[in-house]
Amino acid sequence: MAVDPELLEILACPNCKTPVDLVNDGAGLKCRECHRVYPVKDDIPVMLIDEATIEE
């Protein structure tokens, strides 16, 4: 089971409030603006700035 598409529509980066996109085969959510990647653990997005990594 992946992240619910309805949930994905409303999720936003807690840092800059920009929408996020699924990346790494659903293992992360990447912010379009600040490029932070938030992990998805057990199909639950972990939207904590301290848990995110930054990718270009």
PDB file of N, CA and C in Angstrom:
ATOM      1  N   MET A   1       0.845  -1.177   0.000  1.00  0.00           N
ATOM      2  CA  MET A   1       0.000   0.000   0.000  1.00  0.00           C
ATOM      3  C   MET A   1       0.892   1.243   0.000  1.00  0.00           C
ATOM      4  N   ALA A   2       0.567   2.209  -0.810  1.00  0.00           N
ATOM      5  CA  ALA A   2       1.342   3.444  -0.912  1.00  0.00           C
ATOM      6  C   ALA A   2       0.609   4.583  -0.214  1.00  0.00           C
ATOM      7  N   VAL A   3       1.204   5.763  -0.281  1.00  0.00           N
ATOM      8  CA  VAL A   3       0.572   6.942   0.295  1.00  0.00           C
ATOM      9  C   VAL A   3      -0.731   7.205  -0.459  1.00  0.00           C
ATOM     10  N   ASP A   4      -1.797   7.423   0.281  1.00  0.00           N
ATOM     11  CA  ASP A   4      -3.115   7.676  -0.297  1.00  0.00           C
ATOM     12  C   ASP A   4      -3.055   8.907  -1.205  1.00  0.00           C
ATOM     13  N   PRO A   5      -3.531   8.794  -2.454  1.00  0.00           N
ATOM     14  CA  PRO A   5      -3.498   9.934  -3.382  1.00  0.00           C
ATOM     15  C   PRO A   5      -4.223  11.177  -2.852  1.00  0.00           C
ATOM     16  N   GLU A   6      -5.296  10.987  -2.098  1.00  0.00           N
ATOM     17  CA  GLU A   6      -6.011  12.129  -1.520  1.00  0.00           C
ATOM     18  C   GLU A   6      -5.156  12.835  -0.474  1.00  0.00           C
ATOM     19  N   LEU A   7      -4.400  12.063   0.310  1.00  0.00           N
ATOM     20  CA  LEU A   7      -3.495  12.643   1.297  1.00  0.00           C
ATOM     21  C   LEU A   7      -2.367  13.381   0.599  1.00  0.00           C
ATOM     22  N   LEU A   8      -1.842  12.798  -0.452  1.00  0.00           N
ATOM     23  CA  LEU A   8      -0.750  13.409  -1.196  1.00  0.00           C
ATOM     24  C   LEU A   8      -1.149  14.778  -1.759  1.00  0.00           C
ATOM     25  N   GLU A   9      -2.400  14.927  -2.137  1.00  0.00           N
ATOM     26  CA  GLU A   9      -2.885  16.204  -2.672  1.00  0.00           C
ATOM     27  C   GLU A   9      -2.844  17.338  -1.655  1.00  0.00           C
ATOM     28  N   ILE A  10      -2.988  17.020  -0.370  1.00  0.00           N
ATOM     29  CA  ILE A  10      -3.035  18.071   0.648  1.00  0.00           C
ATOM     30  C   ILE A  10      -1.728  18.240   1.414  1.00  0.00           C
ATOM     31  N   LEU A  11      -0.792  17.317   1.261  1.00  0.00           N
ATOM     32  CA  LEU A  11       0.479  17.435   1.978  1.00  0.00           C
ATOM     33  C   LEU A  11       1.325  18.569   1.414  1.00  0.00           C
ATOM     34  N   ALA A  12       1.999  19.269   2.311  1.00  0.00           N
ATOM     35  CA  ALA A  12       2.899  20.350   1.919  1.00  0.00           C
ATOM     36  C   ALA A  12       4.127  20.313   2.816  1.00  0.00           C
ATOM     37  N   CYS A  13       5.210  20.820   2.314  1.00  0.00           N
ATOM     38  CA  CYS A  13       6.452  20.891   3.068  1.00  0.00           C
ATOM     39  C   CYS A  13       6.238  21.773   4.304  1.00  0.00           C
ATOM     40  N   PRO A  14       6.589  21.290   5.485  1.00  0.00           N
ATOM     41  CA  PRO A  14       6.413  22.107   6.687  1.00  0.00           C
ATOM     42  C   PRO A  14       7.391  23.287   6.743  1.00  0.00           C
ATOM     43  N   ASN A  15       8.446  23.238   5.954  1.00  0.00           N
ATOM     44  CA  ASN A  15       9.426  24.316   5.941  1.00  0.00           C
ATOM     45  C   ASN A  15       8.964  25.506   5.101  1.00  0.00           C
ATOM     46  N   CYS A  16       8.515  25.243   3.860  1.00  0.00           N
ATOM     47  CA  CYS A  16       8.183  26.360   2.959  1.00  0.00           C
ATOM     48  C   CYS A  16       6.741  26.309   2.434  1.00  0.00           C
ATOM     49  N   LYS A  17       5.968  25.317   2.883  1.00  0.00           N
ATOM     50  CA  LYS A  17       4.533  25.201   2.537  1.00  0.00           C
ATOM     51  C   LYS A  17       4.271  24.929   1.050  1.00  0.00           C
ATOM     52  N   THR A  18       5.254  24.350   0.360  1.00  0.00           N
ATOM     53  CA  THR A  18       5.134  24.010  -1.056  1.00  0.00           C
ATOM     54  C   THR A  18       4.670  22.556  -1.189  1.00  0.00           C
ATOM     55  N   PRO A  19       3.893  22.210  -2.222  1.00  0.00           N
ATOM     56  CA  PRO A  19       3.481  20.814  -2.424  1.00  0.00           C
ATOM     57  C   PRO A  19       4.679  19.876  -2.563  1.00  0.00           C
ATOM     58  N   VAL A  20       4.450  18.623  -2.222  1.00  0.00           N
ATOM     59  CA  VAL A  20       5.497  17.598  -2.308  1.00  0.00           C
ATOM     60  C   VAL A  20       5.113  16.542  -3.332  1.00  0.00           C
ATOM     61  N   ASP A  21       6.128  15.848  -3.869  1.00  0.00           N
ATOM     62  CA  ASP A  21       5.925  14.785  -4.855  1.00  0.00           C
ATOM     63  C   ASP A  21       6.569  13.500  -4.362  1.00  0.00           C
ATOM     64  N   LEU A  22       5.957  12.372  -4.707  1.00  0.00           N
ATOM     65  CA  LEU A  22       6.551  11.074  -4.376  1.00  0.00           C
ATOM     66  C   LEU A  22       7.843  10.867  -5.168  1.00  0.00           C
ATOM     67  N   VAL A  23       8.877  10.350  -4.497  1.00  0.00           N
ATOM     68  CA  VAL A  23      10.147  10.037  -5.138  1.00  0.00           C
ATOM     69  C   VAL A  23      10.662   8.705  -4.596  1.00  0.00           C
ATOM     70  N   ASN A  24      11.685   8.184  -5.234  1.00  0.00           N
ATOM     71  CA  ASN A  24      12.338   6.944  -4.788  1.00  0.00           C
ATOM     72  C   ASN A  24      11.348   5.794  -4.630  1.00  0.00           C
ATOM     73  N   ASP A  25      10.510   5.595  -5.640  1.00  0.00           N
ATOM     74  CA  ASP A  25       9.510   4.524  -5.630  1.00  0.00           C
ATOM     75  C   ASP A  25       8.598   4.569  -4.409  1.00  0.00           C
ATOM     76  N   GLY A  26       8.228   5.785  -4.005  1.00  0.00           N
ATOM     77  CA  GLY A  26       7.314   5.946  -2.885  1.00  0.00           C
ATOM     78  C   GLY A  26       7.983   5.953  -1.526  1.00  0.00           C
ATOM     79  N   ALA A  27       9.310   5.939  -1.471  1.00  0.00           N
ATOM     80  CA  ALA A  27      10.025   5.916  -0.194  1.00  0.00           C
ATOM     81  C   ALA A  27      10.235   7.305   0.393  1.00  0.00           C
ATOM     82  N   GLY A  28       9.864   8.337  -0.370  1.00  0.00           N
ATOM     83  CA  GLY A  28      10.051   9.690   0.130  1.00  0.00           C
ATOM     84  C   GLY A  28       9.135  10.673  -0.560  1.00  0.00           C
ATOM     85  N   LEU A  29       9.018  11.850   0.040  1.00  0.00           N
ATOM     86  CA  LEU A  29       8.233  12.953  -0.514  1.00  0.00           C
ATOM     87  C   LEU A  29       9.161  14.146  -0.639  1.00  0.00           C
ATOM     88  N   LYS A  30       9.324  14.644  -1.860  1.00  0.00           N
ATOM     89  CA  LYS A  30      10.270  15.727  -2.105  1.00  0.00           C
ATOM     90  C   LYS A  30       9.554  17.052  -2.323  1.00  0.00           C
ATOM     91  N   CYS A  31      10.041  18.070  -1.645  1.00  0.00           N
ATOM     92  CA  CYS A  31       9.510  19.411  -1.784  1.00  0.00           C
ATOM     93  C   CYS A  31       9.981  20.005  -3.108  1.00  0.00           C
ATOM     94  N   ARG A  32       9.073  20.668  -3.808  1.00  0.00           N
ATOM     95  CA  ARG A  32       9.406  21.266  -5.107  1.00  0.00           C
ATOM     96  C   ARG A  32      10.272  22.509  -4.961  1.00  0.00           C
ATOM     97  N   GLU A  33      10.210  23.178  -3.821  1.00  0.00           N
ATOM     98  CA  GLU A  33      10.905  24.448  -3.638  1.00  0.00           C
ATOM     99  C   GLU A  33      12.259  24.292  -2.938  1.00  0.00           C
ATOM    100  N   CYS A  34      12.267  23.706  -1.740  1.00  0.00           N
ATOM    101  CA  CYS A  34      13.511  23.638  -0.955  1.00  0.00           C
ATOM    102  C   CYS A  34      14.242  22.308  -1.114  1.00  0.00           C
ATOM    103  N   HIS A  35      13.679  21.377  -1.863  1.00  0.00           N
ATOM    104  CA  HIS A  35      14.296  20.087  -2.210  1.00  0.00           C
ATOM    105  C   HIS A  35      14.525  19.161  -1.013  1.00  0.00           C
ATOM    106  N   ARG A  36      13.798  19.383   0.070  1.00  0.00           N
ATOM    107  CA  ARG A  36      13.881  18.450   1.189  1.00  0.00           C
ATOM    108  C   ARG A  36      13.109  17.186   0.818  1.00  0.00           C
ATOM    109  N   VAL A  37      13.644  16.042   1.248  1.00  0.00           N
ATOM    110  CA  VAL A  37      12.971  14.766   1.013  1.00  0.00           C
ATOM    111  C   VAL A  37      12.591  14.191   2.372  1.00  0.00           C
ATOM    112  N   TYR A  38      11.284  14.055   2.573  1.00  0.00           N
ATOM    113  CA  TYR A  38      10.747  13.522   3.817  1.00  0.00           C
ATOM    114  C   TYR A  38      10.512  12.024   3.643  1.00  0.00           C
ATOM    115  N   PRO A  39      10.950  11.198   4.603  1.00  0.00           N
ATOM    116  CA  PRO A  39      10.795   9.744   4.457  1.00  0.00           C
ATOM    117  C   PRO A  39       9.350   9.293   4.609  1.00  0.00           C
ATOM    118  N   VAL A  40       9.046   8.175   3.990  1.00  0.00           N
ATOM    119  CA  VAL A  40       7.757   7.512   4.156  1.00  0.00           C
ATOM    120  C   VAL A  40       8.065   6.177   4.829  1.00  0.00           C
ATOM    121  N   LYS A  41       7.599   6.012   6.055  1.00  0.00           N
ATOM    122  CA  LYS A  41       7.868   4.791   6.836  1.00  0.00           C
ATOM    123  C   LYS A  41       6.553   4.065   7.086  1.00  0.00           C
ATOM    124  N   ASP A  42       6.490   2.809   6.686  1.00  0.00           N
ATOM    125  CA  ASP A  42       5.277   1.997   6.829  1.00  0.00           C
ATOM    126  C   ASP A  42       4.068   2.716   6.226  1.00  0.00           C
ATOM    127  N   ASP A  43       4.280   3.316   5.043  1.00  0.00           N
ATOM    128  CA  ASP A  43       3.240   4.025   4.296  1.00  0.00           C
ATOM    129  C   ASP A  43       2.733   5.284   5.004  1.00  0.00           C
ATOM    130  N   ILE A  44       3.504   5.785   5.967  1.00  0.00           N
ATOM    131  CA  ILE A  44       3.135   7.002   6.687  1.00  0.00           C
ATOM    132  C   ILE A  44       4.205   8.063   6.436  1.00  0.00           C
ATOM    133  N   PRO A  45       3.838   9.203   5.847  1.00  0.00           N
ATOM    134  CA  PRO A  45       4.813  10.270   5.626  1.00  0.00           C
ATOM    135  C   PRO A  45       5.281  10.874   6.953  1.00  0.00           C
ATOM    136  N   VAL A  46       6.586  10.989   7.094  1.00  0.00           N
ATOM    137  CA  VAL A  46       7.170  11.609   8.286  1.00  0.00           C
ATOM    138  C   VAL A  46       7.550  13.031   7.899  1.00  0.00           C
ATOM    139  N   MET A  47       6.640  13.961   8.137  1.00  0.00           N
ATOM    140  CA  MET A  47       6.800  15.341   7.690  1.00  0.00           C
ATOM    141  C   MET A  47       7.446  16.205   8.773  1.00  0.00           C
ATOM    142  N   LEU A  48       8.597  15.772   9.254  1.00  0.00           N
ATOM    143  CA  LEU A  48       9.362  16.514  10.259  1.00  0.00           C
ATOM    144  C   LEU A  48      10.621  17.050   9.591  1.00  0.00           C
ATOM    145  N   ILE A  49      10.886  18.331   9.758  1.00  0.00           N
ATOM    146  CA  ILE A  49      12.048  18.944   9.128  1.00  0.00           C
ATOM    147  C   ILE A  49      13.339  18.252   9.561  1.00  0.00           C
ATOM    148  N   ASP A  50      13.425  17.853  10.820  1.00  0.00           N
ATOM    149  CA  ASP A  50      14.636  17.187  11.329  1.00  0.00           C
ATOM    150  C   ASP A  50      14.866  15.810  10.706  1.00  0.00           C
ATOM    151  N   GLU A  51      13.826  15.185  10.187  1.00  0.00           N
ATOM    152  CA  GLU A  51      13.947  13.862   9.558  1.00  0.00           C
ATOM    153  C   GLU A  51      14.256  13.942   8.066  1.00  0.00           C
ATOM    154  N   ALA A  52      14.128  15.107   7.481  1.00  0.00           N
ATOM    155  CA  ALA A  52      14.306  15.275   6.038  1.00  0.00           C
ATOM    156  C   ALA A  52      15.778  15.357   5.655  1.00  0.00           C
ATOM    157  N   THR A  53      16.047  14.948   4.402  1.00  0.00           N
ATOM    158  CA  THR A  53      17.365  15.140   3.803  1.00  0.00           C
ATOM    159  C   THR A  53      17.172  16.137   2.648  1.00  0.00           C
ATOM    160  N   ILE A  54      18.254  16.745   2.214  1.00  0.00           N
ATOM    161  CA  ILE A  54      18.154  17.704   1.116  1.00  0.00           C
ATOM    162  C   ILE A  54      18.830  17.118  -0.118  1.00  0.00           C
ATOM    163  N   GLU A  55      18.083  17.048  -1.212  1.00  0.00           N
ATOM    164  CA  GLU A  55      18.592  16.547  -2.487  1.00  0.00           C
ATOM    165  C   GLU A  55      18.392  17.619  -3.544  1.00  0.00           C
ATOM    166  N   GLU A  56      19.274  17.643  -4.497  1.00  0.00           N
ATOM    167  CA  GLU A  56      19.126  18.596  -5.619  1.00  0.00           C
ATOM    168  C   GLU A  56      18.409  17.952  -6.715  1.00  0.00           C
TER     169      GLU A  56
END
